[in-house]
Structures are given as structure tokens and as C-alpha cells.
Amino acid sequence: MAITSTTNPTPPNFPWEFPVPNTPFWADLPYPLSRNFFQAFTAEELADFEEAGQFPPDEKLTANEKVELLETLLQLKLGRFNKSSGTDVEKADYESWKKLILALLSTANFLHNDSQEEELINSWLTANSKYTPENKSPHKVRADLLARQGKYLLSIPLYREVLVWMQGHPMLGVDAPQTLGCMRGLAGALTRCELGVEVEEGERVMGEMEGLVGRMGEGRFGEYREMEGELFEKFVRERKVWKEGR
């Protein structure tokens, strides 16, 4: 049985997009988490899940319980992957292993499991240094975790490094959604560290973001214009509340 009824915030014109089932089970889960889960499995595995009733349309699970179920399915696959791949797990199929790690990072983040997230990030950084050292994506995930933990001064150098990489990446560039997300992370950390020079840099990054979002309709990421505009406005409001309440 194929999964045919789908929804996602924008047509899948980019490799990071994936059609997520438009059913009650997925309705209250974040799209990136659902997308990362689906990308960690083959079409055959997903069809098996549906036929086995893993995601029933009328079930009464809370969002946390749903994510715990997804995490269990991911851990089961990672366990099978580990068993079949020997000691150097990720080397057997780094891309498949990485998709599992990304999906598990999403579930750990949703469930506020910082210790598991830290462990997953460390595993990814170790493997990434061996197979794709030019990829700065795991550094972005670590920067986000550090910022959430209030370790802003540790997160800022990582955000800066990742931002330069994203801005020069042929698939991304200065106005990609991922790049703008990194800029929000950097601006937030710069503001909250409460040091003069960093606060000034934060204001500059905010100005750059505003201009980039305003011009998105003219570029290749124009279909994200409305979504990024809403994210920027929400970030501005949250930043203002934080500055007024500090």
C-alpha cells in the first residue's frame, strides 16, 4: 500500500523537501521532524509501516507519544544497521547512517533530550570528519544545542563558521532557508551574550536578514518568501521581548 495523501509547506523542488502524509497522525508534528523520519527509510519500509498500522488515523497519542514511537522505529533500524555493518558502522553506508542520525536528532530535540542529542552530534561529527569534512551541518546542530543551553559564547564561533560555509555553498547561498536559519541563530546568540561588540554584530546581522527576506521573491528561493517573512517577524518579536525583559 503506497502513501499517497501528502502535505508539505512547499513543493519538493529542493532535495531537503519530502512529501509527508496528510493524516491526523502527522498533523501536530513539526514538518522537519516528519520529513527527517521519512527520509531515513526506504519506500518499501514506509509501505510496510502503513500496512502494519504503525500510524493509525484515529489513534489518541499525544505529540510526545508519537515522537517516542518514531524514535523507537528509528532506533530499531539503527540497531539493525549496526548489527549488519560491523564495528565501523557508518562506513558501510554513510549517507543512510547520516539520515538515521538526523532523524534521531529531530526526535531528541523535540523530546528535550539534550544528553542524547549531544551523543548523536558527537557521533556525527566524528564520522563527518572522516567522510565529508567540508560539511558544516553537524556544527550548526551543535551551535543550536549550545545556544539552547545558554552557552552563547561557545555557539557564536560555530554559527559564524557555518554561515560562511552556507553562503558559499552552491546549493544554498546567501538567501537559502538554511542560511537564514543560521543567521537567526547567530543573531540570537550575539544578542543574548550581552557583550558590546557582539551586540553590534547582532544588529548588523538583523539588518542583513531583513534585506535578504525582503528580496527573496526575486530569487530561486522565492517560494519560501512568506514562510521566511513570518519566521523573521516572529524572531524580531521574541528578540524584543527578551531585550526588554533582561
Protein backbone atom coordinates (compact mmCIF):
# COMPACT_ATOMS: atom_id res chain seq x y z
CA MET A 1 0.00 0.00 0.00
CA ALA A 2 1.59 3.28 -1.11
CA ILE A 3 1.38 6.51 0.85
CA THR A 4 -0.34 8.93 -1.50
CA SER A 5 -2.06 11.68 0.50
CA THR A 6 0.68 14.13 1.33
CA THR A 7 1.34 17.63 2.54
CA ASN A 8 4.41 19.79 2.96
CA PRO A 9 4.94 23.56 3.16
CA THR A 10 6.35 23.90 -0.34
CA PRO A 11 6.57 21.73 -3.46
CA PRO A 12 9.54 19.31 -3.34
CA ASN A 13 11.73 21.26 -5.75
CA PHE A 14 14.72 21.02 -3.43
CA PRO A 15 16.49 17.92 -2.07
CA TRP A 16 15.62 18.82 1.52
CA GLU A 17 11.87 18.64 0.82
CA PHE A 18 9.84 15.45 1.20
CA PRO A 19 6.08 14.78 0.99
CA VAL A 20 4.68 13.94 4.43
CA PRO A 21 1.35 12.08 4.75
CA ASN A 22 -1.62 14.38 5.24
CA THR A 23 -3.20 12.35 8.05
CA PRO A 24 -4.13 13.09 11.69
CA PHE A 25 -1.09 11.20 13.00
CA TRP A 26 1.29 13.74 11.44
CA ALA A 27 -0.86 16.86 11.77
CA ASP A 28 0.60 18.12 15.06
CA LEU A 29 4.23 17.15 14.41
CA PRO A 30 6.79 19.63 13.03
CA TYR A 31 7.34 19.21 9.32
CA PRO A 32 11.18 18.97 9.59
CA LEU A 33 10.88 16.14 12.13
CA SER A 34 8.39 14.23 9.97
CA ARG A 35 10.47 14.81 6.84
CA ASN A 36 13.66 13.58 8.51
CA PHE A 37 11.84 10.46 9.71
CA PHE A 38 10.56 9.61 6.22
CA GLN A 39 13.91 10.25 4.58
CA ALA A 40 15.53 7.72 6.94
CA PHE A 41 13.52 4.83 5.45
CA THR A 42 13.08 3.25 2.03
CA ALA A 43 9.77 3.34 0.18
CA GLU A 44 9.35 -0.36 0.93
CA GLU A 45 9.91 0.16 4.66
CA LEU A 46 7.40 3.02 4.73
CA ALA A 47 4.81 0.92 2.93
CA ASP A 48 5.36 -1.87 5.47
CA PHE A 49 4.80 0.60 8.31
CA GLU A 50 1.50 1.73 6.81
CA GLU A 51 0.27 -1.81 6.21
CA ALA A 52 1.20 -2.74 9.77
CA GLY A 53 -0.87 0.19 11.09
CA GLN A 54 2.08 1.95 12.72
CA PHE A 55 0.44 5.35 12.16
CA PRO A 56 -3.32 4.73 12.65
CA PRO A 57 -5.58 7.65 11.62
CA ASP A 58 -7.79 7.60 14.72
CA GLU A 59 -5.29 7.00 17.48
CA LYS A 60 -5.20 9.20 20.58
CA LEU A 61 -1.49 9.55 21.24
CA THR A 62 -0.08 12.89 22.32
CA ALA A 63 2.57 14.53 20.16
CA ASN A 64 5.27 13.37 22.60
CA GLU A 65 4.00 9.80 22.47
CA LYS A 66 4.01 9.89 18.68
CA VAL A 67 7.59 11.11 18.62
CA GLU A 68 8.60 8.41 21.11
CA LEU A 69 7.08 5.84 18.72
CA LEU A 70 9.01 7.30 15.79
CA GLU A 71 12.19 7.29 17.86
CA THR A 72 11.67 3.59 18.65
CA LEU A 73 11.31 2.75 14.95
CA LEU A 74 14.46 4.73 14.16
CA GLN A 75 16.43 3.06 16.95
CA LEU A 76 15.32 -0.38 15.72
CA LYS A 77 16.61 0.42 12.24
CA LEU A 78 19.85 1.83 13.63
CA GLY A 79 20.27 -1.37 15.65
CA ARG A 80 19.83 -3.49 12.52
CA PHE A 81 22.24 -1.20 10.69
CA ASN A 82 24.82 -1.60 13.46
CA LYS A 83 24.44 -5.37 13.51
CA SER A 84 24.91 -5.76 9.76
CA SER A 85 27.71 -3.21 9.38
CA GLY A 86 30.23 -4.40 11.98
CA THR A 87 32.33 -2.11 14.12
CA ASP A 88 32.80 0.77 11.66
CA VAL A 89 29.06 1.33 11.39
CA GLU A 90 28.78 4.49 9.38
CA LYS A 91 31.43 3.46 6.83
CA ALA A 92 29.20 0.76 5.32
CA ASP A 93 26.69 3.35 4.06
CA TYR A 94 27.44 6.79 5.42
CA GLU A 95 24.50 8.53 3.75
CA SER A 96 21.93 6.07 5.12
CA TRP A 97 23.54 6.21 8.56
CA LYS A 98 23.54 10.00 8.46
CA LYS A 99 19.81 10.12 7.64
CA LEU A 100 19.10 7.97 10.69
CA ILE A 101 21.22 10.27 12.87
CA LEU A 102 19.44 13.37 11.52
CA ALA A 103 16.04 11.84 12.24
CA LEU A 104 17.09 10.81 15.74
CA LEU A 105 18.44 14.31 16.36
CA SER A 106 14.99 15.64 15.46
CA THR A 107 13.22 13.33 17.90
CA ALA A 108 15.75 14.02 20.67
CA ASN A 109 15.33 17.77 20.14
CA PHE A 110 11.53 17.52 20.25
CA LEU A 111 11.66 15.47 23.45
CA HIS A 112 14.24 17.87 25.02
CA ASN A 113 16.71 15.03 25.48
CA ASP A 114 19.91 17.09 25.50
CA SER A 115 22.17 14.22 26.55
CA GLN A 116 21.03 12.02 23.68
CA GLU A 117 21.30 14.94 21.26
CA GLU A 118 24.87 15.62 22.42
CA GLU A 119 25.79 11.96 21.93
CA LEU A 120 24.31 11.90 18.43
CA ILE A 121 26.07 15.14 17.49
CA ASN A 122 29.41 13.77 18.66
CA SER A 123 28.90 10.59 16.60
CA TRP A 124 28.03 12.65 13.53
CA LEU A 125 31.00 14.98 13.98
CA THR A 126 33.36 12.02 14.26
CA ALA A 127 32.01 10.34 11.13
CA ASN A 128 31.76 13.63 9.25
CA SER A 129 35.44 14.38 9.89
CA LYS A 130 36.32 11.09 8.17
CA TYR A 131 33.96 11.12 5.19
CA THR A 132 32.78 14.68 4.47
CA PRO A 133 34.95 17.08 6.49
CA GLU A 134 33.87 20.01 4.31
CA ASN A 135 30.26 19.60 5.51
CA LYS A 136 29.49 22.02 8.35
CA SER A 137 25.93 20.81 9.02
CA PRO A 138 26.76 18.98 12.27
CA HIS A 139 28.47 22.14 13.54
CA LYS A 140 25.19 24.02 13.02
CA VAL A 141 23.32 21.41 15.09
CA ARG A 142 25.90 21.72 17.86
CA ALA A 143 25.65 25.53 17.77
CA ASP A 144 21.87 25.30 18.14
CA LEU A 145 22.19 22.97 21.14
CA LEU A 146 24.78 25.21 22.82
CA ALA A 147 22.56 28.25 22.30
CA ARG A 148 19.55 26.49 23.80
CA GLN A 149 21.71 25.64 26.81
CA GLY A 150 22.63 29.32 27.21
CA LYS A 151 26.24 28.76 26.11
CA TYR A 152 26.13 31.65 23.66
CA LEU A 153 29.84 32.45 23.56
CA LEU A 154 30.57 28.84 22.58
CA SER A 155 27.88 28.82 19.91
CA ILE A 156 28.87 32.07 18.18
CA PRO A 157 32.12 30.87 16.52
CA LEU A 158 30.31 27.79 15.23
CA TYR A 159 27.46 29.86 13.80
CA ARG A 160 29.96 32.19 12.09
CA GLU A 161 31.86 29.25 10.57
CA VAL A 162 28.69 27.55 9.35
CA LEU A 163 27.27 30.79 7.95
CA VAL A 164 30.31 31.40 5.74
CA TRP A 165 30.08 27.79 4.50
CA MET A 166 26.35 28.06 3.73
CA GLN A 167 26.69 31.41 1.98
CA GLY A 168 29.28 29.92 -0.37
CA HIS A 169 27.54 26.58 -0.90
CA PRO A 170 26.30 26.09 -4.50
CA MET A 171 23.02 24.52 -3.33
CA LEU A 172 22.36 27.21 -0.75
CA GLY A 173 23.82 30.72 -0.94
CA VAL A 174 23.05 33.89 0.96
CA ASP A 175 19.23 33.62 0.93
CA ALA A 176 18.54 29.90 1.34
CA PRO A 177 16.20 28.98 4.21
CA GLN A 178 19.06 27.13 5.93
CA THR A 179 21.31 30.19 5.68
CA LEU A 180 18.62 32.45 7.10
CA GLY A 181 18.06 29.97 9.92
CA CYS A 182 21.77 30.11 10.74
CA MET A 183 21.63 33.91 10.72
CA ARG A 184 18.74 33.83 13.20
CA GLY A 185 20.76 31.53 15.44
CA LEU A 186 23.79 33.80 15.21
CA ALA A 187 21.81 36.99 15.81
CA GLY A 188 20.08 35.44 18.83
CA ALA A 189 23.34 34.28 20.38
CA LEU A 190 25.05 37.61 19.70
CA THR A 191 22.20 39.49 21.37
CA ARG A 192 22.00 37.27 24.43
CA CYS A 193 25.73 37.17 25.20
CA GLU A 194 25.38 40.87 26.18
CA LEU A 195 28.84 41.97 25.06
CA GLY A 196 29.13 45.29 23.24
CA VAL A 197 30.87 44.24 20.03
CA GLU A 198 28.75 41.11 19.70
CA VAL A 199 25.53 43.06 20.21
CA GLU A 200 26.57 45.43 17.42
CA GLU A 201 27.25 42.47 15.15
CA GLY A 202 23.82 41.09 16.05
CA GLU A 203 22.18 44.34 14.87
CA ARG A 204 24.12 44.12 11.61
CA VAL A 205 23.04 40.52 11.03
CA MET A 206 19.42 41.52 11.73
CA GLY A 207 19.63 44.23 9.08
CA GLU A 208 21.13 41.83 6.55
CA MET A 209 18.41 39.29 7.24
CA GLU A 210 15.66 41.82 6.78
CA GLY A 211 17.03 42.78 3.37
CA LEU A 212 17.50 39.18 2.25
CA VAL A 213 13.99 38.16 3.26
CA GLY A 214 12.53 41.23 1.58
CA ARG A 215 14.22 40.31 -1.71
CA MET A 216 13.52 36.56 -1.60
CA GLY A 217 10.70 36.82 -4.11
CA GLU A 218 13.23 37.80 -6.77
CA GLY A 219 15.49 34.75 -6.37
CA ARG A 220 15.42 30.96 -6.64
CA PHE A 221 14.04 30.56 -3.11
CA GLY A 222 11.06 32.83 -3.76
CA GLU A 223 8.53 30.16 -2.76
CA TYR A 224 9.88 30.40 0.79
CA ARG A 225 9.30 34.16 0.97
CA GLU A 226 6.10 34.06 3.03
CA MET A 227 7.37 31.42 5.44
CA GLU A 228 10.71 33.16 5.99
CA GLY A 229 8.96 36.50 6.43
CA GLU A 230 6.82 35.04 9.20
CA LEU A 231 9.86 33.43 10.85
CA PHE A 232 11.76 36.72 10.73
CA GLU A 233 8.87 38.70 12.21
CA LYS A 234 8.46 36.12 14.98
CA PHE A 235 12.18 36.28 15.70
CA VAL A 236 12.07 40.09 15.86
CA ARG A 237 9.21 39.94 18.38
CA GLU A 238 10.94 37.33 20.54
CA ARG A 239 14.19 39.27 20.46
CA LYS A 240 12.41 42.45 21.52
CA VAL A 241 10.68 40.71 24.42
CA TRP A 242 13.97 39.25 25.58
CA LYS A 243 15.78 42.61 25.39
CA GLU A 244 13.01 44.39 27.30
CA GLY A 245 12.84 41.73 29.99
CA ARG A 246 16.53 41.16 30.67
